[in-house]
Amino acid sequence: METERKDYHMFSPEERQRAVDLYFTTPMTTAQVVKHLGYPTRQCLERWLAKDPRHAGHMAKPIIPLETRTKGDRAGAGQHAAEAGR
């Protein structure tokens, strides 16, 4: 069985800055910035934004909540199923 190889790209500081600046200087959403530039992933851009001093502290919650990360369930399906059973 052949598995698909994922190529990981390290972005230069200039590429990161370009994406973050585009987000802050236009009314584009993160998804629109990613589509316009062709990079990075939306999650990656959101992490860069969270580290930027212009955006720091303005995110309502982490991209992947701590509770879900520790349970190993990225989608939180186990947590939602438990809440639904109450």
C-alpha atoms as a PDB file:
ATOM      1  CA  MET A   1       0.000   0.000   0.000  1.00  0.00           C
ATOM      2  CA  GLU A   2       1.359   3.393  -0.974  1.00  0.00           C
ATOM      3  CA  THR A   3       0.952   6.310   1.393  1.00  0.00           C
ATOM      4  CA  GLU A   4       0.728   9.921   0.384  1.00  0.00           C
ATOM      5  CA  ARG A   5       3.777  11.985   1.298  1.00  0.00           C
ATOM      6  CA  LYS A   6       3.127  15.372   2.820  1.00  0.00           C
ATOM      7  CA  ASP A   7       5.628  18.056   1.985  1.00  0.00           C
ATOM      8  CA  TYR A   8       6.054  20.579   4.751  1.00  0.00           C
ATOM      9  CA  HIS A   9       7.046  24.098   3.850  1.00  0.00           C
ATOM     10  CA  MET A  10       8.769  26.442   6.228  1.00  0.00           C
ATOM     11  CA  PHE A  11       7.660  29.983   5.560  1.00  0.00           C
ATOM     12  CA  SER A  12      10.133  32.823   5.561  1.00  0.00           C
ATOM     13  CA  PRO A  13       9.608  35.755   7.913  1.00  0.00           C
ATOM     14  CA  GLU A  14       8.708  37.847   4.846  1.00  0.00           C
ATOM     15  CA  GLU A  15       5.993  35.389   3.793  1.00  0.00           C
ATOM     16  CA  ARG A  16       4.570  35.344   7.304  1.00  0.00           C
ATOM     17  CA  GLN A  17       4.602  39.136   7.513  1.00  0.00           C
ATOM     18  CA  ARG A  18       2.951  39.489   4.102  1.00  0.00           C
ATOM     19  CA  ALA A  19       0.070  37.216   5.121  1.00  0.00           C
ATOM     20  CA  VAL A  20      -0.432  38.916   8.507  1.00  0.00           C
ATOM     21  CA  ASP A  21      -0.226  42.418   6.992  1.00  0.00           C
ATOM     22  CA  LEU A  22      -2.738  41.503   4.285  1.00  0.00           C
ATOM     23  CA  TYR A  23      -5.170  40.347   6.972  1.00  0.00           C
ATOM     24  CA  PHE A  24      -4.794  43.565   8.984  1.00  0.00           C
ATOM     25  CA  THR A  25      -4.859  46.007   6.058  1.00  0.00           C
ATOM     26  CA  THR A  26      -7.853  44.567   4.199  1.00  0.00           C
ATOM     27  CA  PRO A  27     -11.352  43.486   5.198  1.00  0.00           C
ATOM     28  CA  MET A  28     -10.476  39.901   4.174  1.00  0.00           C
ATOM     29  CA  THR A  29     -11.167  36.960   6.453  1.00  0.00           C
ATOM     30  CA  THR A  30      -8.424  34.447   7.214  1.00  0.00           C
ATOM     31  CA  ALA A  31      -9.915  32.047   4.654  1.00  0.00           C
ATOM     32  CA  GLN A  32      -9.896  34.782   1.998  1.00  0.00           C
ATOM     33  CA  VAL A  33      -6.248  35.688   2.736  1.00  0.00           C
ATOM     34  CA  VAL A  34      -5.232  32.043   2.374  1.00  0.00           C
ATOM     35  CA  LYS A  35      -7.148  31.715  -0.897  1.00  0.00           C
ATOM     36  CA  HIS A  36      -5.693  34.979  -2.243  1.00  0.00           C
ATOM     37  CA  LEU A  37      -2.066  34.154  -1.396  1.00  0.00           C
ATOM     38  CA  GLY A  38      -2.219  30.417  -1.954  1.00  0.00           C
ATOM     39  CA  TYR A  39      -0.518  29.858   1.399  1.00  0.00           C
ATOM     40  CA  PRO A  40      -0.475  29.090   4.379  1.00  0.00           C
ATOM     41  CA  THR A  41      -3.278  27.006   5.859  1.00  0.00           C
ATOM     42  CA  ARG A  42      -5.954  28.952   7.692  1.00  0.00           C
ATOM     43  CA  GLN A  43      -4.926  27.401  11.000  1.00  0.00           C
ATOM     44  CA  CYS A  44      -1.312  28.431  10.405  1.00  0.00           C
ATOM     45  CA  LEU A  45      -2.354  32.011   9.611  1.00  0.00           C
ATOM     46  CA  GLU A  46      -4.482  32.130  12.771  1.00  0.00           C
ATOM     47  CA  ARG A  47      -1.475  31.057  14.827  1.00  0.00           C
ATOM     48  CA  TRP A  48       0.648  33.783  13.241  1.00  0.00           C
ATOM     49  CA  LEU A  49      -2.085  36.319  13.984  1.00  0.00           C
ATOM     50  CA  ALA A  50      -2.254  35.210  17.610  1.00  0.00           C
ATOM     51  CA  LYS A  51       1.476  35.917  17.952  1.00  0.00           C
ATOM     52  CA  ASP A  52       1.230  39.359  16.335  1.00  0.00           C
ATOM     53  CA  PRO A  53       1.061  42.237  18.853  1.00  0.00           C
ATOM     54  CA  ARG A  54      -1.753  43.884  16.846  1.00  0.00           C
ATOM     55  CA  HIS A  55      -3.926  40.814  17.354  1.00  0.00           C
ATOM     56  CA  ALA A  56      -2.613  39.334  20.609  1.00  0.00           C
ATOM     57  CA  GLY A  57      -5.277  38.965  23.253  1.00  0.00           C
ATOM     58  CA  HIS A  58      -8.145  39.446  20.789  1.00  0.00           C
ATOM     59  CA  MET A  59      -8.732  35.765  20.077  1.00  0.00           C
ATOM     60  CA  ALA A  60     -11.722  34.503  22.011  1.00  0.00           C
ATOM     61  CA  LYS A  61     -10.372  30.975  22.412  1.00  0.00           C
ATOM     62  CA  PRO A  62      -7.458  28.871  21.210  1.00  0.00           C
ATOM     63  CA  ILE A  63      -7.752  27.330  17.764  1.00  0.00           C
ATOM     64  CA  ILE A  64      -7.635  23.842  19.265  1.00  0.00           C
ATOM     65  CA  PRO A  65      -8.995  24.045  22.816  1.00  0.00           C
ATOM     66  CA  LEU A  66      -6.720  22.570  25.474  1.00  0.00           C
ATOM     67  CA  GLU A  67      -9.405  20.086  26.586  1.00  0.00           C
ATOM     68  CA  THR A  68      -9.569  18.522  23.134  1.00  0.00           C
ATOM     69  CA  ARG A  69      -5.809  18.414  22.637  1.00  0.00           C
ATOM     70  CA  THR A  70      -5.217  16.489  25.852  1.00  0.00           C
ATOM     71  CA  LYS A  71      -7.904  13.940  24.986  1.00  0.00           C
ATOM     72  CA  GLY A  72      -6.416  13.408  21.539  1.00  0.00           C
ATOM     73  CA  ASP A  73      -9.735  14.207  19.912  1.00  0.00           C
ATOM     74  CA  ARG A  74      -9.158  17.141  17.554  1.00  0.00           C
ATOM     75  CA  ALA A  75     -12.809  17.504  16.596  1.00  0.00           C
ATOM     76  CA  GLY A  76     -14.073  17.281  20.162  1.00  0.00           C
ATOM     77  CA  ALA A  77     -16.479  14.514  19.113  1.00  0.00           C
ATOM     78  CA  GLY A  78     -16.027  12.605  22.355  1.00  0.00           C
ATOM     79  CA  GLN A  79     -16.757  15.698  24.398  1.00  0.00           C
ATOM     80  CA  HIS A  80     -19.885  16.544  22.369  1.00  0.00           C
ATOM     81  CA  ALA A  81     -21.163  12.975  22.603  1.00  0.00           C
ATOM     82  CA  ALA A  82     -20.738  13.034  26.384  1.00  0.00           C
ATOM     83  CA  GLU A  83     -22.604  16.337  26.655  1.00  0.00           C
ATOM     84  CA  ALA A  84     -25.441  15.053  24.440  1.00  0.00           C
ATOM     85  CA  GLY A  85     -25.905  12.059  26.722  1.00  0.00           C
ATOM     86  CA  ARG A  86     -26.619  14.259  29.756  1.00  0.00           C
END
